[in-house]
């Protein structure tokens, strides 16, 4: 676990911005190359066999060569800078999950997930589900919080931390505050399965409100 189940992810705003700059830089390079070719053709195309440049009759306008060279150089520099920016953005800005498929929602009661940690974060929900989902405060009796160190870089990048809470069985007086997520689609539940690393396993529990929900606990507590 810890990897996303979607084969095609949506690009984040930062990634789209870098792609737009790349297209603009490529267009500058192409226009510059065309201008350079046209300028050179105008300059040397008037020479006949045996003519030596420059001739008076070949004193054509060199603006095509000048602007073609400038645009070409600017375009190439722009491409280089865009490539550098892209390398930084792609390693720091995670892609977004695909938009929810247009199909009837499943029974939300079967897809409630109690969260006591990073699943409540808006940025994590956006990365997993393509947007924020309905989240209702509740608590889980009979369990206590512990901590686990995450090593999966994708999960760390999405949550912003390598230290995540984890549930272990406690006494009847123990209680863990949190909230349950109302997931309308089965693929969203699978996305959470993929997000949670192998230290966790999913079980069914009853919350203080009487609501039944899935929750991810320490794998050795199941």
N, C-alpha and C. Protein backbone atom coordinates (compact mmCIF):
# COMPACT_ATOMS: atom_id res chain seq x y z
N UNK A 1 0.85 -1.19 0.00
CA UNK A 1 0.00 0.00 0.00
C UNK A 1 0.88 1.24 0.00
N UNK A 2 0.22 2.41 -0.17
CA UNK A 2 0.97 3.65 -0.18
C UNK A 2 1.13 4.24 -1.55
N UNK A 3 0.60 3.56 -2.60
CA UNK A 3 0.67 4.09 -3.95
C UNK A 3 -0.75 4.29 -4.45
N UNK A 4 -0.93 5.21 -5.36
CA UNK A 4 -2.27 5.60 -5.78
C UNK A 4 -2.78 4.67 -6.87
N UNK A 5 -4.10 4.35 -6.84
CA UNK A 5 -4.64 3.37 -7.77
C UNK A 5 -5.01 3.93 -9.11
N UNK A 6 -4.95 5.25 -9.28
CA UNK A 6 -5.40 5.87 -10.53
C UNK A 6 -4.30 5.79 -11.56
N UNK A 7 -4.62 5.30 -12.73
CA UNK A 7 -3.61 5.18 -13.78
C UNK A 7 -3.31 6.52 -14.43
N UNK A 8 -4.27 7.44 -14.41
CA UNK A 8 -4.07 8.75 -15.01
C UNK A 8 -4.41 9.81 -13.98
N UNK A 9 -3.47 10.65 -13.61
CA UNK A 9 -3.70 11.70 -12.63
C UNK A 9 -3.86 13.05 -13.32
N UNK A 10 -4.62 13.93 -12.67
CA UNK A 10 -4.75 15.29 -13.17
C UNK A 10 -3.54 16.10 -12.76
N UNK A 11 -3.14 17.03 -13.61
CA UNK A 11 -2.00 17.87 -13.30
C UNK A 11 -2.40 18.94 -12.28
N UNK A 12 -1.49 19.24 -11.37
CA UNK A 12 -1.72 20.30 -10.40
C UNK A 12 -1.60 21.65 -11.11
N UNK A 13 -2.10 22.75 -10.50
CA UNK A 13 -1.97 24.08 -11.12
C UNK A 13 -0.52 24.44 -11.43
N UNK A 14 0.41 24.07 -10.54
CA UNK A 14 1.82 24.40 -10.78
C UNK A 14 2.35 23.65 -11.99
N UNK A 15 1.94 22.38 -12.14
CA UNK A 15 2.40 21.60 -13.29
C UNK A 15 1.82 22.15 -14.59
N UNK A 16 0.55 22.57 -14.57
CA UNK A 16 -0.05 23.16 -15.78
C UNK A 16 0.66 24.47 -16.14
N UNK A 17 1.04 25.24 -15.13
CA UNK A 17 1.75 26.50 -15.37
C UNK A 17 3.09 26.25 -16.04
N UNK A 18 3.82 25.24 -15.59
CA UNK A 18 5.11 24.91 -16.19
C UNK A 18 4.92 24.44 -17.63
N UNK A 19 3.90 23.62 -17.88
CA UNK A 19 3.65 23.16 -19.25
C UNK A 19 3.32 24.34 -20.17
N UNK A 20 2.55 25.31 -19.66
CA UNK A 20 2.23 26.50 -20.46
C UNK A 20 3.48 27.29 -20.81
N UNK A 21 4.39 27.44 -19.85
CA UNK A 21 5.65 28.13 -20.13
C UNK A 21 6.46 27.37 -21.17
N UNK A 22 6.45 26.05 -21.06
CA UNK A 22 7.20 25.24 -22.02
C UNK A 22 6.67 25.40 -23.44
N UNK A 23 5.34 25.41 -23.58
CA UNK A 23 4.73 25.61 -24.91
C UNK A 23 5.09 26.98 -25.46
N UNK A 24 5.04 28.01 -24.61
CA UNK A 24 5.39 29.36 -25.05
C UNK A 24 6.86 29.43 -25.49
N UNK A 25 7.76 28.79 -24.71
CA UNK A 25 9.18 28.79 -25.06
C UNK A 25 9.41 28.06 -26.38
N UNK A 26 8.72 26.94 -26.56
CA UNK A 26 8.86 26.19 -27.81
C UNK A 26 8.36 27.02 -28.99
N UNK A 27 7.26 27.75 -28.80
CA UNK A 27 6.74 28.60 -29.87
C UNK A 27 7.74 29.70 -30.22
N UNK A 28 8.38 30.29 -29.20
CA UNK A 28 9.40 31.32 -29.46
C UNK A 28 10.56 30.74 -30.27
N UNK A 29 10.97 29.54 -29.92
CA UNK A 29 12.08 28.91 -30.64
C UNK A 29 11.73 28.64 -32.09
N UNK A 30 10.51 28.14 -32.33
CA UNK A 30 10.07 27.83 -33.70
C UNK A 30 9.96 29.11 -34.53
N UNK A 31 9.32 30.14 -33.95
CA UNK A 31 9.18 31.41 -34.67
C UNK A 31 10.55 32.02 -34.96
N UNK A 32 11.45 31.94 -33.97
CA UNK A 32 12.80 32.45 -34.17
C UNK A 32 13.54 31.73 -35.27
N UNK A 33 13.40 30.40 -35.32
CA UNK A 33 14.05 29.62 -36.37
C UNK A 33 13.51 29.99 -37.75
N UNK A 34 12.17 30.13 -37.83
CA UNK A 34 11.57 30.51 -39.11
C UNK A 34 12.05 31.90 -39.54
N UNK A 35 12.08 32.86 -38.57
CA UNK A 35 12.54 34.20 -38.90
C UNK A 35 13.99 34.21 -39.36
N UNK A 36 14.83 33.38 -38.72
CA UNK A 36 16.23 33.30 -39.10
C UNK A 36 16.39 32.74 -40.51
N UNK A 37 15.61 31.69 -40.83
CA UNK A 37 15.67 31.08 -42.16
C UNK A 37 15.21 32.07 -43.23
N UNK A 38 14.10 32.78 -42.94
CA UNK A 38 13.58 33.75 -43.91
C UNK A 38 14.58 34.88 -44.10
N UNK A 39 15.18 35.36 -43.00
CA UNK A 39 16.15 36.45 -43.10
C UNK A 39 17.37 36.05 -43.90
N UNK A 40 17.87 34.85 -43.67
CA UNK A 40 19.04 34.37 -44.43
C UNK A 40 18.71 34.19 -45.90
N UNK A 41 17.49 33.71 -46.16
CA UNK A 41 17.07 33.54 -47.56
C UNK A 41 17.00 34.88 -48.27
N UNK A 42 16.47 35.89 -47.58
CA UNK A 42 16.40 37.22 -48.19
C UNK A 42 17.79 37.81 -48.42
N UNK A 43 18.70 37.53 -47.52
CA UNK A 43 20.04 38.10 -47.63
C UNK A 43 20.85 37.42 -48.74
N UNK A 44 20.86 36.10 -48.75
CA UNK A 44 21.73 35.38 -49.69
C UNK A 44 21.00 34.93 -50.96
N UNK A 45 19.67 35.02 -50.95
CA UNK A 45 18.93 34.53 -52.12
C UNK A 45 19.12 35.39 -53.35
N UNK A 46 19.60 36.64 -53.17
CA UNK A 46 19.74 37.53 -54.31
C UNK A 46 21.10 37.35 -55.01
N UNK A 47 21.97 36.54 -54.48
CA UNK A 47 23.29 36.36 -55.08
C UNK A 47 23.20 35.39 -56.26
N UNK A 48 23.83 35.76 -57.36
CA UNK A 48 23.89 34.88 -58.51
C UNK A 48 25.17 34.08 -58.50
N UNK A 49 25.36 33.23 -59.51
CA UNK A 49 26.60 32.44 -59.59
C UNK A 49 27.83 33.34 -59.65
N UNK A 50 28.77 33.12 -58.79
CA UNK A 50 30.02 33.88 -58.80
C UNK A 50 29.96 35.18 -58.05
N UNK A 51 28.75 35.57 -57.58
CA UNK A 51 28.64 36.82 -56.82
C UNK A 51 29.31 36.65 -55.45
N UNK A 52 29.84 37.75 -54.98
CA UNK A 52 30.46 37.75 -53.66
C UNK A 52 29.69 38.72 -52.78
N UNK A 53 29.26 38.26 -51.61
CA UNK A 53 28.53 39.12 -50.67
C UNK A 53 29.53 39.95 -49.88
N UNK A 54 29.29 41.23 -49.52
CA UNK A 54 28.04 41.92 -49.87
C UNK A 54 28.13 42.63 -51.20
N UNK A 55 27.08 42.59 -51.93
CA UNK A 55 26.91 43.37 -53.15
C UNK A 55 25.89 44.47 -52.87
N UNK A 56 25.99 45.56 -53.62
CA UNK A 56 25.05 46.66 -53.41
C UNK A 56 23.62 46.19 -53.61
N UNK A 57 23.42 45.34 -54.61
CA UNK A 57 22.08 44.88 -54.89
C UNK A 57 21.58 43.84 -53.88
N UNK A 58 22.49 43.41 -52.99
CA UNK A 58 22.10 42.45 -51.95
C UNK A 58 21.99 43.12 -50.58
N UNK A 59 22.02 44.41 -50.57
CA UNK A 59 21.93 45.10 -49.28
C UNK A 59 20.48 45.08 -48.80
N UNK A 60 20.00 43.89 -48.49
CA UNK A 60 18.61 43.71 -48.06
C UNK A 60 18.46 44.01 -46.57
N UNK A 61 17.22 44.02 -46.11
CA UNK A 61 16.93 44.26 -44.69
C UNK A 61 17.34 43.03 -43.88
N UNK A 62 18.20 43.24 -42.85
CA UNK A 62 18.67 42.13 -42.02
C UNK A 62 17.83 41.94 -40.77
N UNK A 63 16.67 42.58 -40.67
CA UNK A 63 15.86 42.48 -39.45
C UNK A 63 15.41 41.04 -39.19
N UNK A 64 15.16 40.29 -40.29
CA UNK A 64 14.74 38.89 -40.12
C UNK A 64 15.81 38.08 -39.42
N UNK A 65 17.08 38.28 -39.82
CA UNK A 65 18.19 37.57 -39.19
C UNK A 65 18.32 37.98 -37.73
N UNK A 66 18.23 39.30 -37.49
CA UNK A 66 18.38 39.81 -36.12
C UNK A 66 17.30 39.29 -35.20
N UNK A 67 16.03 39.48 -35.58
CA UNK A 67 14.94 39.08 -34.70
C UNK A 67 14.80 37.56 -34.62
N UNK A 68 15.12 36.88 -35.72
CA UNK A 68 15.10 35.42 -35.68
C UNK A 68 16.12 34.89 -34.68
N UNK A 69 17.32 35.49 -34.70
CA UNK A 69 18.36 35.06 -33.76
C UNK A 69 17.95 35.36 -32.32
N UNK A 70 17.41 36.57 -32.11
CA UNK A 70 17.00 36.96 -30.75
C UNK A 70 15.91 36.03 -30.22
N UNK A 71 14.87 35.80 -31.04
CA UNK A 71 13.78 34.93 -30.59
C UNK A 71 14.25 33.50 -30.37
N UNK A 72 15.14 33.03 -31.26
CA UNK A 72 15.66 31.68 -31.10
C UNK A 72 16.44 31.53 -29.81
N UNK A 73 17.31 32.50 -29.51
CA UNK A 73 18.11 32.44 -28.28
C UNK A 73 17.22 32.54 -27.05
N UNK A 74 16.26 33.50 -27.09
CA UNK A 74 15.34 33.65 -25.96
C UNK A 74 14.53 32.38 -25.75
N UNK A 75 14.06 31.80 -26.85
CA UNK A 75 13.28 30.57 -26.75
C UNK A 75 14.07 29.43 -26.14
N UNK A 76 15.33 29.28 -26.57
CA UNK A 76 16.16 28.20 -26.03
C UNK A 76 16.46 28.42 -24.55
N UNK A 77 16.78 29.68 -24.18
CA UNK A 77 17.00 29.97 -22.76
C UNK A 77 15.74 29.72 -21.94
N UNK A 78 14.60 30.12 -22.52
CA UNK A 78 13.33 29.92 -21.84
C UNK A 78 13.06 28.43 -21.65
N UNK A 79 13.34 27.63 -22.69
CA UNK A 79 13.15 26.19 -22.57
C UNK A 79 14.02 25.60 -21.47
N UNK A 80 15.27 26.06 -21.38
CA UNK A 80 16.16 25.56 -20.34
C UNK A 80 15.65 25.90 -18.95
N UNK A 81 15.22 27.16 -18.75
CA UNK A 81 14.70 27.57 -17.45
C UNK A 81 13.40 26.84 -17.12
N UNK A 82 12.55 26.64 -18.14
CA UNK A 82 11.31 25.91 -17.91
C UNK A 82 11.58 24.47 -17.53
N UNK A 83 12.58 23.87 -18.17
CA UNK A 83 12.95 22.50 -17.80
C UNK A 83 13.40 22.40 -16.36
N UNK A 84 14.18 23.39 -15.92
CA UNK A 84 14.63 23.41 -14.52
C UNK A 84 13.45 23.60 -13.58
N UNK A 85 12.56 24.55 -13.92
CA UNK A 85 11.38 24.77 -13.08
C UNK A 85 10.49 23.53 -13.05
N UNK A 86 10.37 22.86 -14.20
CA UNK A 86 9.56 21.66 -14.26
C UNK A 86 10.10 20.55 -13.39
N UNK A 87 11.44 20.40 -13.37
CA UNK A 87 12.05 19.37 -12.53
C UNK A 87 11.76 19.62 -11.06
N UNK A 88 11.77 20.91 -10.67
CA UNK A 88 11.49 21.25 -9.27
C UNK A 88 10.02 21.02 -8.95
N UNK A 89 9.14 21.50 -9.84
CA UNK A 89 7.70 21.39 -9.58
C UNK A 89 7.25 19.95 -9.53
N UNK A 90 7.73 19.12 -10.47
CA UNK A 90 7.28 17.74 -10.53
C UNK A 90 7.73 16.92 -9.31
N UNK A 91 8.78 17.38 -8.63
CA UNK A 91 9.24 16.65 -7.45
C UNK A 91 8.67 17.21 -6.16
N UNK A 92 7.99 18.36 -6.23
CA UNK A 92 7.46 18.97 -5.00
C UNK A 92 5.95 19.12 -5.02
N UNK A 93 5.34 19.24 -6.20
CA UNK A 93 3.89 19.44 -6.29
C UNK A 93 3.23 18.16 -6.78
N UNK A 94 2.54 17.42 -5.91
CA UNK A 94 1.93 16.16 -6.34
C UNK A 94 0.81 16.38 -7.34
N UNK A 95 0.64 15.42 -8.25
CA UNK A 95 -0.48 15.48 -9.18
C UNK A 95 -1.78 15.26 -8.43
N UNK A 96 -2.86 15.73 -9.01
CA UNK A 96 -4.17 15.57 -8.40
C UNK A 96 -4.81 14.28 -8.90
N UNK A 97 -5.68 13.74 -8.08
CA UNK A 97 -6.39 12.54 -8.47
C UNK A 97 -7.32 12.84 -9.63
N UNK A 98 -7.66 11.83 -10.44
CA UNK A 98 -8.62 12.06 -11.53
C UNK A 98 -9.96 12.54 -11.00
N UNK A 99 -10.69 13.24 -11.82
CA UNK A 99 -12.02 13.68 -11.40
C UNK A 99 -12.91 12.46 -11.19
N UNK A 100 -13.84 12.55 -10.24
CA UNK A 100 -14.71 11.41 -9.97
C UNK A 100 -15.46 10.98 -11.23
N UNK A 101 -15.51 9.69 -11.49
CA UNK A 101 -16.25 9.22 -12.67
C UNK A 101 -17.74 9.49 -12.54
N UNK A 102 -18.39 9.72 -13.67
CA UNK A 102 -19.81 10.00 -13.65
C UNK A 102 -20.59 8.69 -13.65
N UNK A 103 -20.81 8.20 -12.45
CA UNK A 103 -21.60 6.98 -12.30
C UNK A 103 -22.38 7.11 -10.99
N UNK A 104 -23.46 6.38 -10.83
CA UNK A 104 -24.27 6.51 -9.61
C UNK A 104 -23.44 6.22 -8.36
N UNK A 105 -23.72 7.00 -7.33
CA UNK A 105 -23.01 6.79 -6.07
C UNK A 105 -23.42 5.47 -5.44
N UNK A 106 -22.48 4.83 -4.75
CA UNK A 106 -22.78 3.61 -4.02
C UNK A 106 -23.37 3.97 -2.65
N UNK A 107 -23.71 2.97 -1.87
CA UNK A 107 -24.25 3.19 -0.55
C UNK A 107 -23.20 3.84 0.33
N UNK A 108 -23.41 5.12 0.69
CA UNK A 108 -22.41 5.84 1.48
C UNK A 108 -22.18 5.19 2.83
N UNK A 109 -23.19 4.47 3.37
CA UNK A 109 -23.03 3.82 4.66
C UNK A 109 -21.94 2.76 4.62
N UNK A 110 -21.70 2.20 3.46
CA UNK A 110 -20.68 1.17 3.32
C UNK A 110 -19.29 1.76 3.10
N UNK A 111 -19.22 3.07 2.89
CA UNK A 111 -17.95 3.70 2.54
C UNK A 111 -17.56 4.82 3.48
N UNK A 112 -18.06 4.77 4.72
CA UNK A 112 -17.63 5.75 5.71
C UNK A 112 -16.28 5.31 6.29
N UNK A 113 -15.37 6.27 6.44
CA UNK A 113 -14.04 5.97 6.97
C UNK A 113 -13.76 6.92 8.12
N UNK A 114 -13.52 6.36 9.31
CA UNK A 114 -13.17 7.19 10.46
C UNK A 114 -11.71 7.57 10.38
N UNK A 115 -11.45 8.87 10.49
CA UNK A 115 -10.08 9.38 10.41
C UNK A 115 -9.71 10.07 11.71
N UNK A 116 -8.50 9.80 12.16
CA UNK A 116 -7.98 10.44 13.37
C UNK A 116 -6.64 11.12 13.07
N UNK A 117 -6.34 11.25 11.76
CA UNK A 117 -5.05 11.82 11.38
C UNK A 117 -5.12 12.56 10.06
N UNK A 118 -4.23 12.21 9.14
CA UNK A 118 -4.00 13.02 7.93
C UNK A 118 -5.15 12.97 6.93
N UNK A 119 -6.02 11.97 7.00
CA UNK A 119 -7.14 11.90 6.05
C UNK A 119 -8.11 13.07 6.20
N UNK A 120 -8.04 13.77 7.34
CA UNK A 120 -8.91 14.92 7.52
C UNK A 120 -8.36 16.17 6.86
N UNK A 121 -7.10 16.14 6.43
CA UNK A 121 -6.48 17.31 5.80
C UNK A 121 -7.06 17.53 4.41
N UNK A 122 -7.38 18.79 4.11
CA UNK A 122 -7.98 19.12 2.81
C UNK A 122 -7.05 18.76 1.66
N UNK A 123 -5.73 18.99 1.83
CA UNK A 123 -4.81 18.71 0.74
C UNK A 123 -4.69 17.20 0.48
N UNK A 124 -4.83 16.38 1.53
CA UNK A 124 -4.78 14.93 1.35
C UNK A 124 -6.04 14.47 0.63
N UNK A 125 -7.21 14.98 1.04
CA UNK A 125 -8.46 14.62 0.37
C UNK A 125 -8.45 15.05 -1.09
N UNK A 126 -7.91 16.23 -1.36
CA UNK A 126 -7.84 16.71 -2.74
C UNK A 126 -6.96 15.81 -3.59
N UNK A 127 -5.84 15.36 -3.03
CA UNK A 127 -4.92 14.49 -3.76
C UNK A 127 -5.54 13.12 -4.00
N UNK A 128 -6.31 12.61 -3.03
CA UNK A 128 -6.88 11.26 -3.15
C UNK A 128 -8.17 11.24 -3.95
N UNK A 129 -9.04 12.24 -3.71
CA UNK A 129 -10.39 12.19 -4.26
C UNK A 129 -10.67 13.26 -5.31
N UNK A 130 -9.74 14.17 -5.54
CA UNK A 130 -9.98 15.25 -6.47
C UNK A 130 -10.81 16.38 -5.88
N UNK A 131 -10.96 16.40 -4.57
CA UNK A 131 -11.72 17.45 -3.89
C UNK A 131 -11.98 17.05 -2.45
N UNK A 132 -12.50 17.99 -1.68
CA UNK A 132 -12.80 17.75 -0.27
C UNK A 132 -14.13 17.00 -0.15
N UNK A 133 -14.19 15.99 0.73
CA UNK A 133 -15.41 15.21 0.93
C UNK A 133 -16.07 15.59 2.25
N UNK A 134 -17.31 15.20 2.41
CA UNK A 134 -18.05 15.49 3.65
C UNK A 134 -17.36 14.79 4.82
N UNK A 135 -17.10 15.55 5.88
CA UNK A 135 -16.38 15.04 7.05
C UNK A 135 -17.15 15.41 8.30
N UNK A 136 -17.52 14.41 9.13
CA UNK A 136 -18.37 14.63 10.30
C UNK A 136 -17.61 14.21 11.56
N UNK A 137 -17.55 15.10 12.53
CA UNK A 137 -16.82 14.81 13.77
C UNK A 137 -17.48 13.67 14.55
N UNK A 138 -16.63 12.82 15.13
CA UNK A 138 -17.10 11.69 15.93
C UNK A 138 -15.91 11.19 16.74
N UNK A 139 -16.08 10.13 17.49
CA UNK A 139 -14.98 9.56 18.26
C UNK A 139 -15.12 8.05 18.31
N UNK A 140 -14.01 7.37 18.61
CA UNK A 140 -13.96 5.91 18.62
C UNK A 140 -13.58 5.45 20.03
N UNK A 141 -14.46 4.72 20.71
CA UNK A 141 -14.15 4.24 22.07
C UNK A 141 -13.33 2.96 22.04
N UNK A 142 -12.55 2.75 23.12
CA UNK A 142 -11.83 1.50 23.29
C UNK A 142 -10.51 1.41 22.56
N UNK A 143 -10.06 2.50 21.99
CA UNK A 143 -8.78 2.51 21.25
C UNK A 143 -7.94 3.68 21.74
N UNK A 144 -6.63 3.59 21.52
CA UNK A 144 -5.71 4.65 21.92
C UNK A 144 -4.78 4.97 20.74
N UNK A 145 -4.20 6.16 20.79
CA UNK A 145 -3.30 6.62 19.72
C UNK A 145 -1.87 6.21 20.00
N UNK A 146 -1.19 5.79 18.94
CA UNK A 146 0.25 5.58 18.95
C UNK A 146 0.79 6.28 17.70
N UNK A 147 2.08 6.14 17.43
CA UNK A 147 2.68 6.82 16.28
C UNK A 147 3.54 5.85 15.47
N UNK A 148 3.59 6.08 14.18
CA UNK A 148 4.39 5.26 13.28
C UNK A 148 5.17 6.17 12.34
N UNK A 149 6.38 5.77 12.01
CA UNK A 149 7.21 6.54 11.07
C UNK A 149 6.99 6.02 9.66
N UNK A 150 6.58 6.90 8.75
CA UNK A 150 6.29 6.55 7.37
C UNK A 150 7.56 6.67 6.54
N UNK A 151 7.79 5.70 5.64
CA UNK A 151 8.95 5.75 4.74
C UNK A 151 8.56 5.92 3.29
N UNK A 152 7.27 5.75 2.95
CA UNK A 152 6.82 5.91 1.56
C UNK A 152 6.89 7.38 1.17
N UNK A 153 7.73 7.76 0.19
CA UNK A 153 7.90 9.19 -0.15
C UNK A 153 6.64 9.84 -0.69
N UNK A 154 5.78 9.08 -1.38
CA UNK A 154 4.55 9.64 -1.94
C UNK A 154 3.59 10.04 -0.82
N UNK A 155 3.49 9.19 0.20
CA UNK A 155 2.60 9.49 1.33
C UNK A 155 3.16 10.67 2.12
N UNK A 156 4.47 10.71 2.30
CA UNK A 156 5.09 11.82 3.04
C UNK A 156 4.87 13.13 2.31
N UNK A 157 5.02 13.11 0.97
CA UNK A 157 4.85 14.33 0.19
C UNK A 157 3.41 14.82 0.24
N UNK A 158 2.45 13.90 0.22
CA UNK A 158 1.04 14.28 0.23
C UNK A 158 0.61 14.81 1.58
N UNK A 159 1.03 14.15 2.65
CA UNK A 159 0.59 14.54 4.00
C UNK A 159 1.46 15.62 4.61
N UNK A 160 2.72 15.75 4.13
CA UNK A 160 3.62 16.75 4.68
C UNK A 160 4.37 16.30 5.92
N UNK A 161 4.29 15.01 6.26
CA UNK A 161 4.97 14.52 7.46
C UNK A 161 5.29 13.04 7.32
N UNK A 162 6.38 12.60 7.97
CA UNK A 162 6.70 11.18 7.99
C UNK A 162 6.28 10.53 9.30
N UNK A 163 5.61 11.28 10.14
CA UNK A 163 5.15 10.77 11.44
C UNK A 163 3.63 10.82 11.47
N UNK A 164 2.99 9.63 11.45
CA UNK A 164 1.54 9.53 11.38
C UNK A 164 1.01 8.82 12.62
N UNK A 165 -0.19 9.21 13.07
CA UNK A 165 -0.82 8.49 14.19
C UNK A 165 -1.31 7.12 13.73
N UNK A 166 -1.41 6.20 14.67
CA UNK A 166 -1.90 4.86 14.38
C UNK A 166 -2.67 4.36 15.60
N UNK A 167 -3.70 3.56 15.39
CA UNK A 167 -4.56 3.10 16.48
C UNK A 167 -4.11 1.75 17.03
N UNK A 168 -4.16 1.65 18.37
CA UNK A 168 -3.95 0.38 19.06
C UNK A 168 -5.07 0.19 20.08
N UNK A 169 -5.38 -1.06 20.35
CA UNK A 169 -6.46 -1.35 21.28
C UNK A 169 -6.12 -0.81 22.67
N UNK A 170 -7.12 -0.22 23.31
CA UNK A 170 -6.93 0.33 24.63
C UNK A 170 -7.91 -0.25 25.63
N UNK A 171 -8.18 0.51 26.66
CA UNK A 171 -9.13 0.10 27.69
C UNK A 171 -10.52 0.64 27.34
N UNK A 172 -11.56 0.14 28.01
CA UNK A 172 -12.91 0.67 27.72
C UNK A 172 -13.03 2.17 27.94
N UNK A 173 -12.15 2.74 28.79
CA UNK A 173 -12.22 4.17 29.04
C UNK A 173 -11.46 5.00 28.02
N UNK A 174 -10.69 4.35 27.16
CA UNK A 174 -9.94 5.09 26.13
C UNK A 174 -10.89 5.57 25.03
N UNK A 175 -10.52 6.68 24.42
CA UNK A 175 -11.35 7.24 23.35
C UNK A 175 -10.46 8.07 22.43
N UNK A 176 -10.68 7.94 21.13
CA UNK A 176 -9.91 8.68 20.14
C UNK A 176 -10.86 9.60 19.39
N UNK A 177 -10.58 10.90 19.45
CA UNK A 177 -11.39 11.87 18.73
C UNK A 177 -10.96 11.93 17.26
N UNK A 178 -11.92 12.21 16.40
CA UNK A 178 -11.62 12.31 14.98
C UNK A 178 -12.87 12.69 14.20
N UNK A 179 -13.01 12.17 13.02
CA UNK A 179 -14.16 12.45 12.17
C UNK A 179 -14.26 11.35 11.13
N UNK A 180 -15.47 11.09 10.67
CA UNK A 180 -15.59 10.09 9.60
C UNK A 180 -15.88 10.78 8.27
N UNK A 181 -15.26 10.24 7.23
CA UNK A 181 -15.40 10.74 5.87
C UNK A 181 -16.52 9.98 5.19
N UNK A 182 -17.42 10.69 4.54
CA UNK A 182 -18.51 10.07 3.79
C UNK A 182 -18.07 9.97 2.34
N UNK A 183 -17.74 8.76 1.92
CA UNK A 183 -17.23 8.52 0.57
C UNK A 183 -18.36 7.96 -0.29
N UNK A 184 -18.63 8.61 -1.40
CA UNK A 184 -19.75 8.20 -2.23
C UNK A 184 -19.43 7.13 -3.25
N UNK A 185 -18.14 6.80 -3.42
CA UNK A 185 -17.75 5.86 -4.47
C UNK A 185 -16.78 4.83 -3.91
N UNK A 186 -16.88 3.64 -4.45
CA UNK A 186 -16.00 2.56 -4.00
C UNK A 186 -14.55 2.86 -4.34
N UNK A 187 -14.30 3.56 -5.49
CA UNK A 187 -12.91 3.84 -5.86
C UNK A 187 -12.24 4.77 -4.85
N UNK A 188 -13.07 5.61 -4.17
CA UNK A 188 -12.50 6.48 -3.14
C UNK A 188 -12.00 5.67 -1.95
N UNK A 189 -12.76 4.63 -1.60
CA UNK A 189 -12.32 3.74 -0.51
C UNK A 189 -11.05 3.01 -0.92
N UNK A 190 -10.97 2.58 -2.18
CA UNK A 190 -9.75 1.92 -2.65
C UNK A 190 -8.57 2.89 -2.66
N UNK A 191 -8.85 4.17 -2.94
CA UNK A 191 -7.78 5.17 -2.91
C UNK A 191 -7.20 5.31 -1.51
N UNK A 192 -8.06 5.23 -0.49
CA UNK A 192 -7.57 5.29 0.89
C UNK A 192 -6.77 4.03 1.21
N UNK A 193 -7.23 2.88 0.73
CA UNK A 193 -6.47 1.63 0.92
C UNK A 193 -5.05 1.77 0.38
N UNK A 194 -4.94 2.40 -0.78
CA UNK A 194 -3.63 2.56 -1.40
C UNK A 194 -2.78 3.60 -0.67
N UNK A 195 -3.44 4.60 -0.10
CA UNK A 195 -2.72 5.66 0.62
C UNK A 195 -2.13 5.15 1.93
N UNK A 196 -2.88 4.32 2.64
CA UNK A 196 -2.40 3.81 3.92
C UNK A 196 -1.32 2.75 3.68
N UNK A 197 -0.20 2.90 4.36
CA UNK A 197 0.93 1.98 4.16
C UNK A 197 0.65 0.66 4.85
N UNK A 198 1.57 -0.30 4.69
CA UNK A 198 1.34 -1.66 5.17
C UNK A 198 1.30 -1.77 6.69
N UNK A 199 1.66 -0.70 7.41
CA UNK A 199 1.56 -0.72 8.88
C UNK A 199 0.10 -0.73 9.33
N UNK A 200 -0.82 -0.35 8.44
CA UNK A 200 -2.23 -0.24 8.78
C UNK A 200 -3.04 -1.37 8.13
N UNK A 201 -4.17 -1.68 8.76
CA UNK A 201 -5.15 -2.56 8.15
C UNK A 201 -6.53 -1.99 8.44
N UNK A 202 -7.50 -2.27 7.57
CA UNK A 202 -8.84 -1.68 7.68
C UNK A 202 -9.79 -2.65 8.35
N UNK A 203 -10.50 -2.18 9.40
CA UNK A 203 -11.50 -2.99 10.09
C UNK A 203 -12.78 -2.17 10.26
N UNK A 204 -13.87 -2.87 10.61
CA UNK A 204 -15.16 -2.21 10.81
C UNK A 204 -15.34 -1.93 12.30
N UNK A 205 -15.80 -0.71 12.65
CA UNK A 205 -16.00 -0.34 14.04
C UNK A 205 -17.31 0.42 14.19
N UNK A 206 -17.74 0.57 15.46
CA UNK A 206 -18.90 1.40 15.77
C UNK A 206 -18.42 2.61 16.56
N UNK A 207 -18.78 3.79 16.10
CA UNK A 207 -18.34 5.03 16.72
C UNK A 207 -19.25 5.41 17.87
N UNK A 208 -18.86 6.44 18.63
CA UNK A 208 -19.66 6.89 19.77
C UNK A 208 -21.08 7.27 19.37
N UNK A 209 -21.24 7.80 18.15
CA UNK A 209 -22.57 8.21 17.69
C UNK A 209 -23.45 7.04 17.30
N UNK A 210 -22.89 5.83 17.29
CA UNK A 210 -23.61 4.65 16.81
C UNK A 210 -23.41 4.38 15.34
N UNK A 211 -22.70 5.26 14.67
CA UNK A 211 -22.40 5.10 13.25
C UNK A 211 -21.35 4.02 13.05
N UNK A 212 -21.56 3.16 12.08
CA UNK A 212 -20.54 2.18 11.73
C UNK A 212 -19.65 2.74 10.62
N UNK A 213 -18.38 2.44 10.71
CA UNK A 213 -17.44 2.98 9.73
C UNK A 213 -16.22 2.09 9.66
N UNK A 214 -15.49 2.23 8.58
CA UNK A 214 -14.18 1.61 8.47
C UNK A 214 -13.16 2.46 9.21
N UNK A 215 -12.11 1.83 9.73
CA UNK A 215 -11.04 2.58 10.34
C UNK A 215 -9.75 1.79 10.10
N UNK A 216 -8.65 2.52 10.00
CA UNK A 216 -7.33 1.89 9.76
C UNK A 216 -6.58 1.86 11.08
N UNK A 217 -6.25 0.64 11.52
CA UNK A 217 -5.58 0.45 12.79
C UNK A 217 -4.24 -0.23 12.54
N UNK A 218 -3.43 -0.37 13.59
CA UNK A 218 -2.16 -1.08 13.46
C UNK A 218 -2.39 -2.49 12.97
N UNK A 219 -1.61 -2.91 11.98
CA UNK A 219 -1.83 -4.22 11.33
C UNK A 219 -1.76 -5.37 12.33
N UNK A 220 -0.94 -5.22 13.37
CA UNK A 220 -0.82 -6.32 14.34
C UNK A 220 -1.90 -6.29 15.40
N UNK A 221 -2.88 -5.37 15.28
CA UNK A 221 -3.98 -5.29 16.23
C UNK A 221 -5.27 -5.87 15.67
N UNK A 222 -5.27 -6.20 14.39
CA UNK A 222 -6.50 -6.68 13.75
C UNK A 222 -6.88 -8.07 14.24
